[in-house]
Amino acid sequence: MTKEYHNLKNFLDQKVAVYNQSTFIKTDPISIPHLFSKKQDIEIAGFFAAIFAWGNRTTIINKSKELMNRMDFAPYEFCLNPNYKKLLGFKHRTFNDTDILYFVEFLHHHYTNNSSLETAFSKQGNTIEEMLNGFYTYFFSLEDAPLRTRKHIASPIKKSNCKRLNMFLRWMVRTDNNGVDFGLWKEIKSSQLICPIDVHVARVAKRFNLLTRQQIDWQAALELTEYLRTLDADDPIKYDFALFGLGVMEKY
């Protein structure tokens, strides 16, 4: 490897150390699942916080807390025994009560038959791409799935970069001693994860020549992740901390 490669790796490792810290939790959507201790509560709170994660982060956090409040801050118990009236009128950007009613219906269906949300992904295939495509099909397998709600679950087959679901998987799968990601799921390995990519991450990745693809789509997410695996094959997505921090916090 070249000197430039080692310099870049050292730089990104330093930025991971800066941003992979519990002090950043409170200003990030990951703060929502950190409100809970029960595994299923963490899964459900994390899932909604990730799904809502576009736009202003303060608004994302506030809307996620509003939903948790409507669920009596017991999302697992609420999904097992839903009171759908409590969800009426909920809205976050283009996500409305039609969507939330179906999401809860799906979670009720899934948790009635499974102890963890992990199986909704891990049983769908061997790669993250297969899992995300399979999750999309499984999620909308209930007979009354509204057509409008399909836009809120991304999938590689639709060419989406799946940023929010990849972020959710990072939260659930990655594990270290820093207390940010949860490491709750064991069937999926950290080495399999795909880097969440948005305009900020893509801008930084292109600046450091980690990414050549112009479109910020699924292929771009794969290309970036392949490079990150050369930096750390076992835990490539730890560099999400560095790329996001450089892009959003430092405005690289």
C-alpha atoms as a PDB file:
ATOM      1  CA  MET A   1       0.000   0.000   0.000  1.00  0.00           C
ATOM      2  CA  THR A   2       1.152   3.522  -0.749  1.00  0.00           C
ATOM      3  CA  LYS A   3       2.120   6.185   1.773  1.00  0.00           C
ATOM      4  CA  GLU A   4      -0.989   8.160   0.704  1.00  0.00           C
ATOM      5  CA  TYR A   5      -3.169   5.153   1.529  1.00  0.00           C
ATOM      6  CA  HIS A   6      -1.672   4.779   5.001  1.00  0.00           C
ATOM      7  CA  ASN A   7      -1.967   8.516   5.640  1.00  0.00           C
ATOM      8  CA  LEU A   8      -5.640   8.427   4.634  1.00  0.00           C
ATOM      9  CA  LYS A   9      -6.323   5.358   6.789  1.00  0.00           C
ATOM     10  CA  ASN A  10      -4.657   7.024   9.794  1.00  0.00           C
ATOM     11  CA  PHE A  11      -6.650  10.217   9.209  1.00  0.00           C
ATOM     12  CA  LEU A  12      -9.974   8.367   8.944  1.00  0.00           C
ATOM     13  CA  ASP A  13      -9.142   6.197  11.975  1.00  0.00           C
ATOM     14  CA  GLN A  14      -8.548   9.370  13.983  1.00  0.00           C
ATOM     15  CA  LYS A  15     -11.925  10.772  12.858  1.00  0.00           C
ATOM     16  CA  VAL A  16     -13.672   7.521  13.801  1.00  0.00           C
ATOM     17  CA  ALA A  17     -12.195   7.903  17.288  1.00  0.00           C
ATOM     18  CA  VAL A  18     -13.472  11.499  17.463  1.00  0.00           C
ATOM     19  CA  TYR A  19     -17.061  10.814  16.380  1.00  0.00           C
ATOM     20  CA  ASN A  20     -17.695   7.259  17.658  1.00  0.00           C
ATOM     21  CA  GLN A  21     -18.364   8.648  21.130  1.00  0.00           C
ATOM     22  CA  SER A  22     -21.404   8.551  23.399  1.00  0.00           C
ATOM     23  CA  THR A  23     -21.269  12.363  23.692  1.00  0.00           C
ATOM     24  CA  PHE A  24     -22.698  12.605  20.166  1.00  0.00           C
ATOM     25  CA  ILE A  25     -25.710  10.379  20.884  1.00  0.00           C
ATOM     26  CA  LYS A  26     -28.017  13.104  22.201  1.00  0.00           C
ATOM     27  CA  THR A  27     -27.944  15.114  18.947  1.00  0.00           C
ATOM     28  CA  ASP A  28     -28.401  12.073  16.676  1.00  0.00           C
ATOM     29  CA  PRO A  29     -31.493   9.963  15.860  1.00  0.00           C
ATOM     30  CA  ILE A  30     -29.735   7.016  17.525  1.00  0.00           C
ATOM     31  CA  SER A  31     -30.662   8.773  20.781  1.00  0.00           C
ATOM     32  CA  ILE A  32     -34.212   7.393  20.376  1.00  0.00           C
ATOM     33  CA  PRO A  33     -33.391   3.677  20.767  1.00  0.00           C
ATOM     34  CA  HIS A  34     -30.985   4.671  23.569  1.00  0.00           C
ATOM     35  CA  LEU A  35     -34.056   5.695  25.585  1.00  0.00           C
ATOM     36  CA  PHE A  36     -34.846   1.984  26.056  1.00  0.00           C
ATOM     37  CA  SER A  37     -33.227  -1.099  27.565  1.00  0.00           C
ATOM     38  CA  LYS A  38     -35.429  -3.974  26.333  1.00  0.00           C
ATOM     39  CA  LYS A  39     -34.161  -5.493  23.081  1.00  0.00           C
ATOM     40  CA  GLN A  40     -37.483  -5.280  21.227  1.00  0.00           C
ATOM     41  CA  ASP A  41     -38.085  -1.690  22.364  1.00  0.00           C
ATOM     42  CA  ILE A  42     -34.626  -0.751  21.055  1.00  0.00           C
ATOM     43  CA  GLU A  43     -35.355  -2.468  17.730  1.00  0.00           C
ATOM     44  CA  ILE A  44     -38.709  -0.755  17.199  1.00  0.00           C
ATOM     45  CA  ALA A  45     -37.571   2.680  18.389  1.00  0.00           C
ATOM     46  CA  GLY A  46     -34.447   2.396  16.229  1.00  0.00           C
ATOM     47  CA  PHE A  47     -36.438   1.292  13.212  1.00  0.00           C
ATOM     48  CA  PHE A  48     -38.759   4.290  13.364  1.00  0.00           C
ATOM     49  CA  ALA A  49     -35.941   6.750  14.133  1.00  0.00           C
ATOM     50  CA  ALA A  50     -34.053   5.462  11.091  1.00  0.00           C
ATOM     51  CA  ILE A  51     -37.124   5.561   8.838  1.00  0.00           C
ATOM     52  CA  PHE A  52     -37.780   9.170   9.896  1.00  0.00           C
ATOM     53  CA  ALA A  53     -34.123  10.154   9.388  1.00  0.00           C
ATOM     54  CA  TRP A  54     -34.294  12.630   6.574  1.00  0.00           C
ATOM     55  CA  GLY A  55     -34.208  16.384   6.996  1.00  0.00           C
ATOM     56  CA  ASN A  56     -33.440  18.312  10.178  1.00  0.00           C
ATOM     57  CA  ARG A  57     -32.068  16.079  12.933  1.00  0.00           C
ATOM     58  CA  THR A  58     -33.816  17.977  15.732  1.00  0.00           C
ATOM     59  CA  THR A  59     -37.156  17.472  13.958  1.00  0.00           C
ATOM     60  CA  ILE A  60     -36.362  13.767  13.416  1.00  0.00           C
ATOM     61  CA  ILE A  61     -35.660  13.318  17.125  1.00  0.00           C
ATOM     62  CA  ASN A  62     -38.741  15.280  18.205  1.00  0.00           C
ATOM     63  CA  LYS A  63     -41.063  13.379  15.851  1.00  0.00           C
ATOM     64  CA  SER A  64     -39.612  10.069  16.980  1.00  0.00           C
ATOM     65  CA  LYS A  65     -40.220  11.048  20.615  1.00  0.00           C
ATOM     66  CA  GLU A  66     -43.772  12.062  19.734  1.00  0.00           C
ATOM     67  CA  LEU A  67     -44.390   8.607  18.281  1.00  0.00           C
ATOM     68  CA  MET A  68     -42.831   6.899  21.310  1.00  0.00           C
ATOM     69  CA  ASN A  69     -45.116   8.994  23.522  1.00  0.00           C
ATOM     70  CA  ARG A  70     -48.159   7.884  21.522  1.00  0.00           C
ATOM     71  CA  MET A  71     -46.948   4.335  22.172  1.00  0.00           C
ATOM     72  CA  ASP A  72     -46.764   5.056  25.929  1.00  0.00           C
ATOM     73  CA  PHE A  73     -42.957   4.714  25.723  1.00  0.00           C
ATOM     74  CA  ALA A  74     -43.419   0.951  25.465  1.00  0.00           C
ATOM     75  CA  PRO A  75     -43.240   0.349  21.683  1.00  0.00           C
ATOM     76  CA  TYR A  76     -42.937  -3.457  21.915  1.00  0.00           C
ATOM     77  CA  GLU A  77     -45.969  -3.790  24.175  1.00  0.00           C
ATOM     78  CA  PHE A  78     -47.841  -1.312  21.972  1.00  0.00           C
ATOM     79  CA  CYS A  79     -47.093  -3.292  18.782  1.00  0.00           C
ATOM     80  CA  LEU A  80     -48.190  -6.534  20.426  1.00  0.00           C
ATOM     81  CA  ASN A  81     -51.444  -4.889  21.567  1.00  0.00           C
ATOM     82  CA  PRO A  82     -51.966  -1.899  19.280  1.00  0.00           C
ATOM     83  CA  ASN A  83     -54.290   0.961  20.076  1.00  0.00           C
ATOM     84  CA  TYR A  84     -54.531   2.350  16.557  1.00  0.00           C
ATOM     85  CA  LYS A  85     -56.565   5.395  17.639  1.00  0.00           C
ATOM     86  CA  LYS A  86     -53.492   6.765  19.427  1.00  0.00           C
ATOM     87  CA  LEU A  87     -51.662   6.933  16.077  1.00  0.00           C
ATOM     88  CA  LEU A  88     -54.257   8.934  14.173  1.00  0.00           C
ATOM     89  CA  GLY A  89     -53.036  12.355  13.078  1.00  0.00           C
ATOM     90  CA  PHE A  90     -49.345  11.475  13.302  1.00  0.00           C
ATOM     91  CA  LYS A  91     -47.279  13.057  10.502  1.00  0.00           C
ATOM     92  CA  HIS A  92     -43.613  13.504   9.676  1.00  0.00           C
ATOM     93  CA  ARG A  93     -42.943  15.071   6.290  1.00  0.00           C
ATOM     94  CA  THR A  94     -44.583  12.701   3.769  1.00  0.00           C
ATOM     95  CA  PHE A  95     -45.057   9.958   6.374  1.00  0.00           C
ATOM     96  CA  ASN A  96     -48.631  10.081   7.692  1.00  0.00           C
ATOM     97  CA  ASP A  97     -51.057   8.074   9.797  1.00  0.00           C
ATOM     98  CA  THR A  98     -51.915   5.725   6.918  1.00  0.00           C
ATOM     99  CA  ASP A  99     -48.251   4.748   6.881  1.00  0.00           C
ATOM    100  CA  ILE A 100     -47.840   4.439  10.662  1.00  0.00           C
ATOM    101  CA  LEU A 101     -50.953   2.280  10.939  1.00  0.00           C
ATOM    102  CA  TYR A 102     -49.528  -0.176   8.427  1.00  0.00           C
ATOM    103  CA  PHE A 103     -46.038  -0.116   9.991  1.00  0.00           C
ATOM    104  CA  VAL A 104     -47.526  -1.063  13.353  1.00  0.00           C
ATOM    105  CA  GLU A 105     -49.704  -3.716  11.728  1.00  0.00           C
ATOM    106  CA  PHE A 106     -46.591  -5.256  10.197  1.00  0.00           C
ATOM    107  CA  LEU A 107     -44.678  -5.103  13.487  1.00  0.00           C
ATOM    108  CA  HIS A 108     -47.649  -6.707  15.262  1.00  0.00           C
ATOM    109  CA  HIS A 109     -47.642  -9.483  12.665  1.00  0.00           C
ATOM    110  CA  HIS A 110     -43.877  -9.999  12.881  1.00  0.00           C
ATOM    111  CA  TYR A 111     -43.506  -9.943  16.675  1.00  0.00           C
ATOM    112  CA  THR A 112     -46.473 -12.265  17.101  1.00  0.00           C
ATOM    113  CA  ASN A 113     -44.375 -14.883  15.325  1.00  0.00           C
ATOM    114  CA  ASN A 114     -40.770 -13.800  16.103  1.00  0.00           C
ATOM    115  CA  SER A 115     -38.885 -12.630  19.178  1.00  0.00           C
ATOM    116  CA  SER A 116     -36.645 -10.177  17.295  1.00  0.00           C
ATOM    117  CA  LEU A 117     -36.814  -7.914  14.253  1.00  0.00           C
ATOM    118  CA  GLU A 118     -33.484  -9.381  13.146  1.00  0.00           C
ATOM    119  CA  THR A 119     -35.184 -12.361  11.498  1.00  0.00           C
ATOM    120  CA  ALA A 120     -37.120  -9.969   9.227  1.00  0.00           C
ATOM    121  CA  PHE A 121     -33.743  -9.302   7.595  1.00  0.00           C
ATOM    122  CA  SER A 122     -31.485 -12.283   8.325  1.00  0.00           C
ATOM    123  CA  LYS A 123     -33.930 -14.888   7.002  1.00  0.00           C
ATOM    124  CA  GLN A 124     -34.203 -13.121   3.644  1.00  0.00           C
ATOM    125  CA  GLY A 125     -30.791 -14.017   2.202  1.00  0.00           C
ATOM    126  CA  ASN A 126     -27.040 -14.226   2.682  1.00  0.00           C
ATOM    127  CA  THR A 127     -25.978 -10.730   1.633  1.00  0.00           C
ATOM    128  CA  ILE A 128     -27.260  -7.354   2.792  1.00  0.00           C
ATOM    129  CA  GLU A 129     -28.577  -6.748  -0.728  1.00  0.00           C
ATOM    130  CA  GLU A 130     -30.621  -9.957  -0.587  1.00  0.00           C
ATOM    131  CA  MET A 131     -31.773  -9.150   2.951  1.00  0.00           C
ATOM    132  CA  LEU A 132     -32.966  -5.653   2.053  1.00  0.00           C
ATOM    133  CA  ASN A 133     -34.790  -6.832  -1.067  1.00  0.00           C
ATOM    134  CA  GLY A 134     -36.332  -9.681   0.911  1.00  0.00           C
ATOM    135  CA  PHE A 135     -37.304  -7.367   3.762  1.00  0.00           C
ATOM    136  CA  TYR A 136     -39.135  -5.082   1.313  1.00  0.00           C
ATOM    137  CA  THR A 137     -41.144  -8.035  -0.029  1.00  0.00           C
ATOM    138  CA  TYR A 138     -41.832  -9.374   3.462  1.00  0.00           C
ATOM    139  CA  PHE A 139     -42.774  -5.958   4.860  1.00  0.00           C
ATOM    140  CA  PHE A 140     -45.440  -5.456   2.197  1.00  0.00           C
ATOM    141  CA  SER A 141     -46.708  -9.050   2.231  1.00  0.00           C
ATOM    142  CA  LEU A 142     -49.816  -8.258   4.312  1.00  0.00           C
ATOM    143  CA  GLU A 143     -52.902  -8.121   2.135  1.00  0.00           C
ATOM    144  CA  ASP A 144     -53.930  -4.555   2.983  1.00  0.00           C
ATOM    145  CA  ALA A 145     -50.531  -2.902   2.418  1.00  0.00           C
ATOM    146  CA  PRO A 146     -51.219   0.666   1.170  1.00  0.00           C
ATOM    147  CA  LEU A 147     -49.577   1.519  -2.142  1.00  0.00           C
ATOM    148  CA  ARG A 148     -48.517   4.940  -0.829  1.00  0.00           C
ATOM    149  CA  THR A 149     -46.527   3.380   2.030  1.00  0.00           C
ATOM    150  CA  ARG A 150     -44.126   1.568  -0.314  1.00  0.00           C
ATOM    151  CA  LYS A 151     -42.063   4.727  -0.796  1.00  0.00           C
ATOM    152  CA  HIS A 152     -41.028   4.624   2.866  1.00  0.00           C
ATOM    153  CA  ILE A 153     -39.144   1.321   2.640  1.00  0.00           C
ATOM    154  CA  ALA A 154     -36.156   1.398   0.301  1.00  0.00           C
ATOM    155  CA  SER A 155     -34.659  -1.571  -1.517  1.00  0.00           C
ATOM    156  CA  PRO A 156     -31.656  -2.153  -3.801  1.00  0.00           C
ATOM    157  CA  ILE A 157     -33.936  -3.585  -6.485  1.00  0.00           C
ATOM    158  CA  LYS A 158     -35.424  -0.082  -6.761  1.00  0.00           C
ATOM    159  CA  LYS A 159     -31.857   1.313  -7.167  1.00  0.00           C
ATOM    160  CA  SER A 160     -32.086   3.091  -3.813  1.00  0.00           C
ATOM    161  CA  ASN A 161     -28.924   3.555  -1.755  1.00  0.00           C
ATOM    162  CA  CYS A 162     -31.007   2.387   1.251  1.00  0.00           C
ATOM    163  CA  LYS A 163     -29.224   4.879   3.512  1.00  0.00           C
ATOM    164  CA  ARG A 164     -31.732   4.733   6.362  1.00  0.00           C
ATOM    165  CA  LEU A 165     -32.040   0.943   6.489  1.00  0.00           C
ATOM    166  CA  ASN A 166     -28.257   0.535   6.247  1.00  0.00           C
ATOM    167  CA  MET A 167     -27.948   2.983   9.139  1.00  0.00           C
ATOM    168  CA  PHE A 168     -30.487   0.974  11.147  1.00  0.00           C
ATOM    169  CA  LEU A 169     -28.555  -2.232  10.458  1.00  0.00           C
ATOM    170  CA  ARG A 170     -25.340  -0.506  11.619  1.00  0.00           C
ATOM    171  CA  TRP A 171     -27.025   0.449  14.890  1.00  0.00           C
ATOM    172  CA  MET A 172     -28.294  -3.081  15.516  1.00  0.00           C
ATOM    173  CA  VAL A 173     -25.265  -5.093  14.305  1.00  0.00           C
ATOM    174  CA  ARG A 174     -22.045  -3.168  15.013  1.00  0.00           C
ATOM    175  CA  THR A 175     -20.477  -3.689  18.401  1.00  0.00           C
ATOM    176  CA  ASP A 176     -17.550  -2.056  20.189  1.00  0.00           C
ATOM    177  CA  ASN A 177     -16.835  -0.552  23.588  1.00  0.00           C
ATOM    178  CA  ASN A 178     -17.875   3.012  22.743  1.00  0.00           C
ATOM    179  CA  GLY A 179     -21.569   2.680  23.576  1.00  0.00           C
ATOM    180  CA  VAL A 180     -23.031   4.169  20.388  1.00  0.00           C
ATOM    181  CA  ASP A 181     -24.073   1.166  18.275  1.00  0.00           C
ATOM    182  CA  PHE A 182     -25.947  -1.597  20.080  1.00  0.00           C
ATOM    183  CA  GLY A 183     -24.538  -4.880  18.725  1.00  0.00           C
ATOM    184  CA  LEU A 184     -27.830  -6.632  19.527  1.00  0.00           C
ATOM    185  CA  TRP A 185     -28.002  -8.801  16.418  1.00  0.00           C
ATOM    186  CA  LYS A 186     -25.687 -11.776  15.950  1.00  0.00           C
ATOM    187  CA  GLU A 187     -26.914 -13.453  12.753  1.00  0.00           C
ATOM    188  CA  ILE A 188     -25.584 -10.590  10.620  1.00  0.00           C
ATOM    189  CA  LYS A 189     -21.858  -9.793  10.795  1.00  0.00           C
ATOM    190  CA  SER A 190     -20.328  -6.313  10.916  1.00  0.00           C
ATOM    191  CA  SER A 191     -18.188  -7.284   7.914  1.00  0.00           C
ATOM    192  CA  GLN A 192     -21.357  -7.714   5.811  1.00  0.00           C
ATOM    193  CA  LEU A 193     -22.771  -4.238   6.437  1.00  0.00           C
ATOM    194  CA  ILE A 194     -23.092  -1.615   3.692  1.00  0.00           C
ATOM    195  CA  CYS A 195     -22.134   1.977   4.401  1.00  0.00           C
ATOM    196  CA  PRO A 196     -25.059   4.412   4.706  1.00  0.00           C
ATOM    197  CA  ILE A 197     -24.518   7.015   1.997  1.00  0.00           C
ATOM    198  CA  ASP A 198     -26.117  10.410   1.452  1.00  0.00           C
ATOM    199  CA  VAL A 199     -24.991  13.660  -0.185  1.00  0.00           C
ATOM    200  CA  HIS A 200     -22.687  14.537   2.735  1.00  0.00           C
ATOM    201  CA  VAL A 201     -20.970  11.141   2.922  1.00  0.00           C
ATOM    202  CA  ALA A 202     -20.714  10.949  -0.878  1.00  0.00           C
ATOM    203  CA  ARG A 203     -19.118  14.416  -1.047  1.00  0.00           C
ATOM    204  CA  VAL A 204     -16.424  13.467   1.457  1.00  0.00           C
ATOM    205  CA  ALA A 205     -15.879  10.061  -0.168  1.00  0.00           C
ATOM    206  CA  LYS A 206     -15.356  11.679  -3.572  1.00  0.00           C
ATOM    207  CA  ARG A 207     -12.993  14.268  -2.095  1.00  0.00           C
ATOM    208  CA  PHE A 208     -10.750  11.453  -0.806  1.00  0.00           C
ATOM    209  CA  ASN A 209     -11.182   9.355  -3.985  1.00  0.00           C
ATOM    210  CA  LEU A 210     -13.046   6.581  -2.180  1.00  0.00           C
ATOM    211  CA  LEU A 211     -15.917   6.868  -4.643  1.00  0.00           C
ATOM    212  CA  THR A 212     -16.024   7.545  -8.384  1.00  0.00           C
ATOM    213  CA  ARG A 213     -19.698   6.906  -9.162  1.00  0.00           C
ATOM    214  CA  GLN A 214     -21.678  10.109  -9.692  1.00  0.00           C
ATOM    215  CA  GLN A 215     -25.142   8.786  -8.810  1.00  0.00           C
ATOM    216  CA  ILE A 216     -25.722   8.280  -5.095  1.00  0.00           C
ATOM    217  CA  ASP A 217     -27.474   4.937  -5.569  1.00  0.00           C
ATOM    218  CA  TRP A 218     -27.045   1.327  -4.452  1.00  0.00           C
ATOM    219  CA  GLN A 219     -24.003   0.842  -6.685  1.00  0.00           C
ATOM    220  CA  ALA A 220     -22.372   3.869  -5.061  1.00  0.00           C
ATOM    221  CA  ALA A 221     -23.011   2.374  -1.609  1.00  0.00           C
ATOM    222  CA  LEU A 222     -21.392  -0.889  -2.752  1.00  0.00           C
ATOM    223  CA  GLU A 223     -18.409   0.885  -4.310  1.00  0.00           C
ATOM    224  CA  LEU A 224     -17.748   2.951  -1.195  1.00  0.00           C
ATOM    225  CA  THR A 225     -18.122  -0.080   1.081  1.00  0.00           C
ATOM    226  CA  GLU A 226     -15.664  -2.105  -1.005  1.00  0.00           C
ATOM    227  CA  TYR A 227     -13.046   0.591  -0.449  1.00  0.00           C
ATOM    228  CA  LEU A 228     -13.804   0.774   3.271  1.00  0.00           C
ATOM    229  CA  ARG A 229     -13.270  -3.000   3.492  1.00  0.00           C
ATOM    230  CA  THR A 230      -9.670  -2.461   2.379  1.00  0.00           C
ATOM    231  CA  LEU A 231      -9.247  -0.228   5.456  1.00  0.00           C
ATOM    232  CA  ASP A 232     -10.901  -2.712   7.856  1.00  0.00           C
ATOM    233  CA  ALA A 233     -12.344  -5.944   6.482  1.00  0.00           C
ATOM    234  CA  ASP A 234     -14.013  -6.925   9.766  1.00  0.00           C
ATOM    235  CA  ASP A 235     -15.626  -3.571  10.568  1.00  0.00           C
ATOM    236  CA  PRO A 236     -15.703  -1.387   7.444  1.00  0.00           C
ATOM    237  CA  ILE A 237     -18.762   0.626   8.473  1.00  0.00           C
ATOM    238  CA  LYS A 238     -17.041   2.172  11.478  1.00  0.00           C
ATOM    239  CA  TYR A 239     -15.830   4.686   8.877  1.00  0.00           C
ATOM    240  CA  ASP A 240     -19.406   5.931   8.606  1.00  0.00           C
ATOM    241  CA  PHE A 241     -18.595   7.894  11.777  1.00  0.00           C
ATOM    242  CA  ALA A 242     -15.630   9.554  10.062  1.00  0.00           C
ATOM    243  CA  LEU A 243     -17.352  10.293   6.744  1.00  0.00           C
ATOM    244  CA  PHE A 244     -20.538  11.593   8.385  1.00  0.00           C
ATOM    245  CA  GLY A 245     -18.590  13.669  10.893  1.00  0.00           C
ATOM    246  CA  LEU A 246     -16.397  15.195   8.217  1.00  0.00           C
ATOM    247  CA  GLY A 247     -19.391  15.902   5.989  1.00  0.00           C
ATOM    248  CA  VAL A 248     -21.937  17.201   8.501  1.00  0.00           C
ATOM    249  CA  MET A 249     -19.895  18.472  11.441  1.00  0.00           C
ATOM    250  CA  GLU A 250     -16.796  19.747   9.635  1.00  0.00           C
ATOM    251  CA  LYS A 251     -18.468  20.609   6.297  1.00  0.00           C
ATOM    252  CA  TYR A 252     -15.750  18.949   4.219  1.00  0.00           C
END
